[in-house]
Amino acid sequence: MKFIAVATLALASTASAFVPVSTPFGVATSLDAKHVQNKAAKKANHNRPKKSRPSDINRKPVVYPSFEKPSEYTISDAPAAPVTKKSE
């Protein structure tokens, strides 16, 4: 019985540590982060190997051949052919 009373008293005394203190200027709890965490892409770029060789530093970007996008529809003078289902 004494153990339960002591445990309850200890729990009640430590619970006040989690209650924010009220001041005339508002609540005194600040939830600002001290150090912002890098997100996945920024962290991955930060951990990439550094370019130390002159051949890496002065490398030009790859030039890819230009791609002509084909037209989606072609206009034809031929009459429209009906679409039929192939029989097996």
Protein backbone atom coordinates (compact mmCIF):
# COMPACT_ATOMS: atom_id res chain seq x y z
CA MET A 1 0.00 0.00 0.00
CA LYS A 2 2.84 2.38 0.85
CA PHE A 3 4.52 1.61 -2.48
CA ILE A 4 1.40 2.58 -4.45
CA ALA A 5 1.06 5.82 -2.48
CA VAL A 6 4.72 6.70 -3.06
CA ALA A 7 4.48 5.84 -6.75
CA THR A 8 1.36 7.99 -7.15
CA LEU A 9 3.03 10.89 -5.34
CA ALA A 10 6.14 10.57 -7.55
CA LEU A 11 4.02 10.44 -10.69
CA ALA A 12 2.04 13.52 -9.67
CA SER A 13 5.21 15.49 -8.90
CA THR A 14 6.82 14.67 -12.26
CA ALA A 15 3.66 15.35 -14.29
CA SER A 16 3.94 19.07 -13.58
CA ALA A 17 7.19 19.13 -15.59
CA PHE A 18 5.22 18.55 -18.81
CA VAL A 19 2.67 21.32 -18.27
CA PRO A 20 3.62 24.58 -20.05
CA VAL A 21 4.15 27.52 -17.73
CA SER A 22 1.80 30.44 -18.27
CA THR A 23 3.30 33.90 -18.30
CA PRO A 24 1.66 37.30 -18.84
CA PHE A 25 3.06 37.20 -22.40
CA GLY A 26 1.59 33.79 -23.28
CA VAL A 27 2.84 30.24 -23.00
CA ALA A 28 6.58 29.94 -22.31
CA THR A 29 7.05 26.78 -24.39
CA SER A 30 8.92 27.27 -27.67
CA LEU A 31 8.70 24.52 -30.26
CA ASP A 32 11.21 25.93 -32.75
CA ALA A 33 13.71 23.44 -34.15
CA LYS A 34 17.34 24.18 -33.32
CA HIS A 35 18.70 22.45 -36.42
CA VAL A 36 16.60 21.86 -39.50
CA GLN A 37 16.91 18.32 -40.84
CA ASN A 38 17.93 17.89 -44.47
CA LYS A 39 15.37 16.11 -46.60
CA ALA A 40 16.24 13.05 -48.69
CA ALA A 41 17.29 14.71 -51.97
CA LYS A 42 19.31 17.46 -50.27
CA LYS A 43 21.06 14.93 -48.05
CA ALA A 44 21.84 12.67 -51.01
CA ASN A 45 23.40 15.59 -52.90
CA HIS A 46 25.39 16.58 -49.81
CA ASN A 47 26.88 13.08 -49.52
CA ARG A 48 27.90 12.74 -53.19
CA PRO A 49 31.61 12.45 -53.96
CA LYS A 50 33.39 15.75 -54.59
CA LYS A 51 34.84 16.56 -58.01
CA SER A 52 38.57 16.83 -57.34
CA ARG A 53 40.09 15.96 -60.74
CA PRO A 54 40.27 18.69 -63.41
CA SER A 55 38.72 16.28 -65.93
CA ASP A 56 35.67 15.98 -63.68
CA ILE A 57 35.45 19.67 -62.83
CA ASN A 58 35.68 20.85 -66.47
CA ARG A 59 33.46 18.16 -67.95
CA LYS A 60 30.84 19.42 -70.39
CA PRO A 61 27.26 18.17 -70.15
CA VAL A 62 26.18 15.37 -72.48
CA VAL A 63 24.57 16.58 -75.70
CA TYR A 64 21.69 14.32 -76.61
CA PRO A 65 20.29 14.22 -80.16
CA SER A 66 17.17 16.25 -80.69
CA PHE A 67 13.94 14.28 -80.79
CA GLU A 68 11.20 15.19 -83.21
CA LYS A 69 7.89 14.32 -81.70
CA PRO A 70 5.72 12.60 -84.31
CA SER A 71 2.31 14.02 -85.01
CA GLU A 72 -0.42 12.24 -83.14
CA TYR A 73 -2.90 12.16 -86.02
CA THR A 74 -2.31 12.10 -89.75
CA ILE A 75 -4.94 13.48 -92.06
CA SER A 76 -5.61 11.27 -95.04
CA ASP A 77 -7.88 11.65 -98.08
CA ALA A 78 -8.65 7.93 -98.12
CA PRO A 79 -12.09 6.86 -96.90
CA ALA A 80 -12.30 5.55 -93.35
CA ALA A 81 -12.06 1.80 -93.04
CA PRO A 82 -14.32 0.13 -90.50
CA VAL A 83 -12.57 -1.59 -87.64
CA THR A 84 -13.40 -5.28 -87.46
CA LYS A 85 -12.56 -7.84 -84.87
CA LYS A 86 -10.15 -10.52 -86.02
CA SER A 87 -11.63 -14.00 -85.89
CA GLU A 88 -9.45 -16.82 -84.68
